[in-house]
Amino acid sequence: MKLTNYIKETRAEIKHVVWPTRAQAIGYTVIVIVFSAVVAVLLGAFDFLFSSILQKLIS
């Protein structure tokens, strides 16, 4: 009983969802990939910078 009610309610809610268009989904995906790449480059640069500073302090 509870499972069937859950499935019925879930189907009803999914009908209210406004799904993005294909173009929107592709655009959002590109934005996420570019943002992730920029963050990766920044983190890599900071890691290199701090590693270099630490090496100079140690030696």
PDB file of N, CA and C in Angstrom:
ATOM      1  N   MET A   1       0.819  -1.197   0.000  1.00  0.00           N
ATOM      2  CA  MET A   1       0.000   0.000   0.000  1.00  0.00           C
ATOM      3  C   MET A   1       0.862   1.260   0.000  1.00  0.00           C
ATOM      4  N   LYS A   2       1.789   1.362   0.929  1.00  0.00           N
ATOM      5  CA  LYS A   2       2.613   2.564   1.025  1.00  0.00           C
ATOM      6  C   LYS A   2       3.483   2.731  -0.215  1.00  0.00           C
ATOM      7  N   LEU A   3       4.007   1.617  -0.722  1.00  0.00           N
ATOM      8  CA  LEU A   3       4.873   1.694  -1.894  1.00  0.00           C
ATOM      9  C   LEU A   3       4.094   2.149  -3.122  1.00  0.00           C
ATOM     10  N   THR A   4       2.911   1.637  -3.316  1.00  0.00           N
ATOM     11  CA  THR A   4       2.111   2.044  -4.475  1.00  0.00           C
ATOM     12  C   THR A   4       1.712   3.511  -4.380  1.00  0.00           C
ATOM     13  N   ASN A   5       1.372   3.973  -3.184  1.00  0.00           N
ATOM     14  CA  ASN A   5       1.049   5.398  -3.001  1.00  0.00           C
ATOM     15  C   ASN A   5       2.265   6.277  -3.297  1.00  0.00           C
ATOM     16  N   TYR A   6       3.415   5.829  -2.846  1.00  0.00           N
ATOM     17  CA  TYR A   6       4.656   6.575  -3.094  1.00  0.00           C
ATOM     18  C   TYR A   6       4.910   6.687  -4.595  1.00  0.00           C
ATOM     19  N   ILE A   7       4.762   5.593  -5.301  1.00  0.00           N
ATOM     20  CA  ILE A   7       5.009   5.596  -6.749  1.00  0.00           C
ATOM     21  C   ILE A   7       4.003   6.503  -7.461  1.00  0.00           C
ATOM     22  N   LYS A   8       2.749   6.442  -7.082  1.00  0.00           N
ATOM     23  CA  LYS A   8       1.725   7.296  -7.690  1.00  0.00           C
ATOM     24  C   LYS A   8       2.017   8.769  -7.440  1.00  0.00           C
ATOM     25  N   GLU A   9       2.381   9.102  -6.214  1.00  0.00           N
ATOM     26  CA  GLU A   9       2.678  10.491  -5.872  1.00  0.00           C
ATOM     27  C   GLU A   9       3.943  10.976  -6.593  1.00  0.00           C
ATOM     28  N   THR A  10       4.910  10.095  -6.704  1.00  0.00           N
ATOM     29  CA  THR A  10       6.140  10.449  -7.403  1.00  0.00           C
ATOM     30  C   THR A  10       5.860  10.743  -8.869  1.00  0.00           C
ATOM     31  N   ARG A  11       5.065   9.910  -9.516  1.00  0.00           N
ATOM     32  CA  ARG A  11       4.707  10.139 -10.919  1.00  0.00           C
ATOM     33  C   ARG A  11       3.960  11.459 -11.077  1.00  0.00           C
ATOM     34  N   ALA A  12       3.079  11.767 -10.145  1.00  0.00           N
ATOM     35  CA  ALA A  12       2.328  13.015 -10.206  1.00  0.00           C
ATOM     36  C   ALA A  12       3.262  14.220 -10.074  1.00  0.00           C
ATOM     37  N   GLU A  13       4.246  14.123  -9.195  1.00  0.00           N
ATOM     38  CA  GLU A  13       5.186  15.232  -9.003  1.00  0.00           C
ATOM     39  C   GLU A  13       6.095  15.403 -10.208  1.00  0.00           C
ATOM     40  N   ILE A  14       6.503  14.300 -10.816  1.00  0.00           N
ATOM     41  CA  ILE A  14       7.400  14.379 -11.974  1.00  0.00           C
ATOM     42  C   ILE A  14       6.713  15.099 -13.132  1.00  0.00           C
ATOM     43  N   LYS A  15       5.397  14.990 -13.232  1.00  0.00           N
ATOM     44  CA  LYS A  15       4.665  15.678 -14.293  1.00  0.00           C
ATOM     45  C   LYS A  15       4.729  17.201 -14.120  1.00  0.00           C
ATOM     46  N   HIS A  16       4.983  17.677 -12.906  1.00  0.00           N
ATOM     47  CA  HIS A  16       5.061  19.113 -12.648  1.00  0.00           C
ATOM     48  C   HIS A  16       6.463  19.679 -12.891  1.00  0.00           C
ATOM     49  N   VAL A  17       7.425  18.811 -13.080  1.00  0.00           N
ATOM     50  CA  VAL A  17       8.805  19.259 -13.269  1.00  0.00           C
ATOM     51  C   VAL A  17       8.952  19.900 -14.646  1.00  0.00           C
ATOM     52  N   VAL A  18       9.633  21.039 -14.684  1.00  0.00           N
ATOM     53  CA  VAL A  18       9.947  21.686 -15.953  1.00  0.00           C
ATOM     54  C   VAL A  18      11.373  21.297 -16.315  1.00  0.00           C
ATOM     55  N   TRP A  19      11.517  20.411 -17.275  1.00  0.00           N
ATOM     56  CA  TRP A  19      12.823  19.901 -17.666  1.00  0.00           C
ATOM     57  C   TRP A  19      13.517  20.909 -18.587  1.00  0.00           C
ATOM     58  N   PRO A  20      14.834  21.022 -18.491  1.00  0.00           N
ATOM     59  CA  PRO A  20      15.548  21.949 -19.374  1.00  0.00           C
ATOM     60  C   PRO A  20      15.554  21.415 -20.813  1.00  0.00           C
ATOM     61  N   THR A  21      15.691  22.340 -21.743  1.00  0.00           N
ATOM     62  CA  THR A  21      15.801  21.930 -23.143  1.00  0.00           C
ATOM     63  C   THR A  21      17.184  21.322 -23.362  1.00  0.00           C
ATOM     64  N   ARG A  22      17.343  20.693 -24.514  1.00  0.00           N
ATOM     65  CA  ARG A  22      18.646  20.097 -24.832  1.00  0.00           C
ATOM     66  C   ARG A  22      19.737  21.166 -24.849  1.00  0.00           C
ATOM     67  N   ALA A  23      19.432  22.326 -25.436  1.00  0.00           N
ATOM     68  CA  ALA A  23      20.414  23.414 -25.506  1.00  0.00           C
ATOM     69  C   ALA A  23      20.789  23.907 -24.111  1.00  0.00           C
ATOM     70  N   GLN A  24      19.803  24.026 -23.230  1.00  0.00           N
ATOM     71  CA  GLN A  24      20.087  24.454 -21.856  1.00  0.00           C
ATOM     72  C   GLN A  24      20.956  23.428 -21.139  1.00  0.00           C
ATOM     73  N   ALA A  25      20.631  22.164 -21.298  1.00  0.00           N
ATOM     74  CA  ALA A  25      21.407  21.112 -20.633  1.00  0.00           C
ATOM     75  C   ALA A  25      22.853  21.114 -21.127  1.00  0.00           C
ATOM     76  N   ILE A  26      23.044  21.288 -22.426  1.00  0.00           N
ATOM     77  CA  ILE A  26      24.406  21.343 -22.973  1.00  0.00           C
ATOM     78  C   ILE A  26      25.127  22.582 -22.457  1.00  0.00           C
ATOM     79  N   GLY A  27      24.434  23.718 -22.434  1.00  0.00           N
ATOM     80  CA  GLY A  27      25.047  24.950 -21.924  1.00  0.00           C
ATOM     81  C   GLY A  27      25.457  24.836 -20.473  1.00  0.00           C
ATOM     82  N   TYR A  28      24.588  24.288 -19.649  1.00  0.00           N
ATOM     83  CA  TYR A  28      24.914  24.115 -18.232  1.00  0.00           C
ATOM     84  C   TYR A  28      26.080  23.142 -18.043  1.00  0.00           C
ATOM     85  N   THR A  29      26.113  22.103 -18.865  1.00  0.00           N
ATOM     86  CA  THR A  29      27.206  21.131 -18.777  1.00  0.00           C
ATOM     87  C   THR A  29      28.533  21.787 -19.125  1.00  0.00           C
ATOM     88  N   VAL A  30      28.540  22.604 -20.174  1.00  0.00           N
ATOM     89  CA  VAL A  30      29.769  23.306 -20.563  1.00  0.00           C
ATOM     90  C   VAL A  30      30.217  24.247 -19.453  1.00  0.00           C
ATOM     91  N   ILE A  31      29.276  24.951 -18.852  1.00  0.00           N
ATOM     92  CA  ILE A  31      29.615  25.866 -17.756  1.00  0.00           C
ATOM     93  C   ILE A  31      30.255  25.105 -16.595  1.00  0.00           C
ATOM     94  N   VAL A  32      29.692  23.966 -16.239  1.00  0.00           N
ATOM     95  CA  VAL A  32      30.235  23.171 -15.127  1.00  0.00           C
ATOM     96  C   VAL A  32      31.636  22.667 -15.454  1.00  0.00           C
ATOM     97  N   ILE A  33      31.845  22.203 -16.685  1.00  0.00           N
ATOM     98  CA  ILE A  33      33.159  21.696 -17.075  1.00  0.00           C
ATOM     99  C   ILE A  33      34.198  22.818 -17.061  1.00  0.00           C
ATOM    100  N   VAL A  34      33.847  23.981 -17.611  1.00  0.00           N
ATOM    101  CA  VAL A  34      34.790  25.111 -17.630  1.00  0.00           C
ATOM    102  C   VAL A  34      35.096  25.575 -16.207  1.00  0.00           C
ATOM    103  N   PHE A  35      34.075  25.702 -15.380  1.00  0.00           N
ATOM    104  CA  PHE A  35      34.286  26.124 -13.998  1.00  0.00           C
ATOM    105  C   PHE A  35      35.176  25.129 -13.255  1.00  0.00           C
ATOM    106  N   SER A  36      34.939  23.840 -13.466  1.00  0.00           N
ATOM    107  CA  SER A  36      35.759  22.810 -12.809  1.00  0.00           C
ATOM    108  C   SER A  36      37.208  22.897 -13.264  1.00  0.00           C
ATOM    109  N   ALA A  37      37.420  23.136 -14.553  1.00  0.00           N
ATOM    110  CA  ALA A  37      38.784  23.252 -15.071  1.00  0.00           C
ATOM    111  C   ALA A  37      39.492  24.464 -14.484  1.00  0.00           C
ATOM    112  N   VAL A  38      38.788  25.590 -14.388  1.00  0.00           N
ATOM    113  CA  VAL A  38      39.382  26.807 -13.814  1.00  0.00           C
ATOM    114  C   VAL A  38      39.747  26.584 -12.350  1.00  0.00           C
ATOM    115  N   VAL A  39      38.865  25.964 -11.595  1.00  0.00           N
ATOM    116  CA  VAL A  39      39.145  25.688 -10.186  1.00  0.00           C
ATOM    117  C   VAL A  39      40.334  24.732 -10.064  1.00  0.00           C
ATOM    118  N   ALA A  40      40.399  23.724 -10.932  1.00  0.00           N
ATOM    119  CA  ALA A  40      41.522  22.780 -10.890  1.00  0.00           C
ATOM    120  C   ALA A  40      42.841  23.490 -11.163  1.00  0.00           C
ATOM    121  N   VAL A  41      42.847  24.389 -12.149  1.00  0.00           N
ATOM    122  CA  VAL A  41      44.077  25.132 -12.465  1.00  0.00           C
ATOM    123  C   VAL A  41      44.470  26.027 -11.295  1.00  0.00           C
ATOM    124  N   LEU A  42      43.505  26.718 -10.707  1.00  0.00           N
ATOM    125  CA  LEU A  42      43.815  27.583  -9.564  1.00  0.00           C
ATOM    126  C   LEU A  42      44.349  26.783  -8.378  1.00  0.00           C
ATOM    127  N   LEU A  43      43.712  25.672  -8.078  1.00  0.00           N
ATOM    128  CA  LEU A  43      44.193  24.838  -6.966  1.00  0.00           C
ATOM    129  C   LEU A  43      45.584  24.287  -7.252  1.00  0.00           C
ATOM    130  N   GLY A  44      45.822  23.889  -8.488  1.00  0.00           N
ATOM    131  CA  GLY A  44      47.154  23.404  -8.862  1.00  0.00           C
ATOM    132  C   GLY A  44      48.205  24.495  -8.732  1.00  0.00           C
ATOM    133  N   ALA A  45      47.856  25.712  -9.139  1.00  0.00           N
ATOM    134  CA  ALA A  45      48.798  26.834  -9.036  1.00  0.00           C
ATOM    135  C   ALA A  45      49.110  27.158  -7.573  1.00  0.00           C
ATOM    136  N   PHE A  46      48.078  27.203  -6.743  1.00  0.00           N
ATOM    137  CA  PHE A  46      48.314  27.458  -5.315  1.00  0.00           C
ATOM    138  C   PHE A  46      49.132  26.331  -4.679  1.00  0.00           C
ATOM    139  N   ASP A  47      48.860  25.102  -5.051  1.00  0.00           N
ATOM    140  CA  ASP A  47      49.621  23.971  -4.518  1.00  0.00           C
ATOM    141  C   ASP A  47      51.085  24.094  -4.903  1.00  0.00           C
ATOM    142  N   PHE A  48      51.340  24.428  -6.170  1.00  0.00           N
ATOM    143  CA  PHE A  48      52.717  24.593  -6.624  1.00  0.00           C
ATOM    144  C   PHE A  48      53.392  25.741  -5.885  1.00  0.00           C
ATOM    145  N   LEU A  49      52.682  26.861  -5.738  1.00  0.00           N
ATOM    146  CA  LEU A  49      53.234  28.024  -5.055  1.00  0.00           C
ATOM    147  C   LEU A  49      53.577  27.710  -3.601  1.00  0.00           C
ATOM    148  N   PHE A  50      52.642  27.116  -2.880  1.00  0.00           N
ATOM    149  CA  PHE A  50      52.887  26.800  -1.475  1.00  0.00           C
ATOM    150  C   PHE A  50      53.960  25.716  -1.308  1.00  0.00           C
ATOM    151  N   SER A  51      54.004  24.763  -2.222  1.00  0.00           N
ATOM    152  CA  SER A  51      55.057  23.741  -2.161  1.00  0.00           C
ATOM    153  C   SER A  51      56.426  24.370  -2.374  1.00  0.00           C
ATOM    154  N   SER A  52      56.513  25.300  -3.335  1.00  0.00           N
ATOM    155  CA  SER A  52      57.784  25.979  -3.597  1.00  0.00           C
ATOM    156  C   SER A  52      58.224  26.795  -2.382  1.00  0.00           C
ATOM    157  N   ILE A  53      57.297  27.520  -1.787  1.00  0.00           N
ATOM    158  CA  ILE A  53      57.625  28.321  -0.599  1.00  0.00           C
ATOM    159  C   ILE A  53      58.078  27.425   0.540  1.00  0.00           C
ATOM    160  N   LEU A  54      57.383  26.322   0.741  1.00  0.00           N
ATOM    161  CA  LEU A  54      57.753  25.408   1.812  1.00  0.00           C
ATOM    162  C   LEU A  54      59.127  24.785   1.570  1.00  0.00           C
ATOM    163  N   GLN A  55      59.434  24.434   0.325  1.00  0.00           N
ATOM    164  CA  GLN A  55      60.750  23.878   0.003  1.00  0.00           C
ATOM    165  C   GLN A  55      61.853  24.887   0.290  1.00  0.00           C
ATOM    166  N   LYS A  56      61.611  26.151  -0.015  1.00  0.00           N
ATOM    167  CA  LYS A  56      62.616  27.186   0.229  1.00  0.00           C
ATOM    168  C   LYS A  56      62.815  27.413   1.721  1.00  0.00           C
ATOM    169  N   LEU A  57      61.736  27.301   2.493  1.00  0.00           N
ATOM    170  CA  LEU A  57      61.850  27.481   3.936  1.00  0.00           C
ATOM    171  C   LEU A  57      62.588  26.319   4.589  1.00  0.00           C
ATOM    172  N   ILE A  58      62.376  25.124   4.061  1.00  0.00           N
ATOM    173  CA  ILE A  58      63.001  23.935   4.652  1.00  0.00           C
ATOM    174  C   ILE A  58      64.484  23.869   4.302  1.00  0.00           C
ATOM    175  N   SER A  59      64.842  24.193   3.059  1.00  0.00           N
ATOM    176  CA  SER A  59      66.244  24.046   2.654  1.00  0.00           C
ATOM    177  C   SER A  59      67.029  25.330   2.748  1.00  0.00           C
TER     178      SER A  59
END
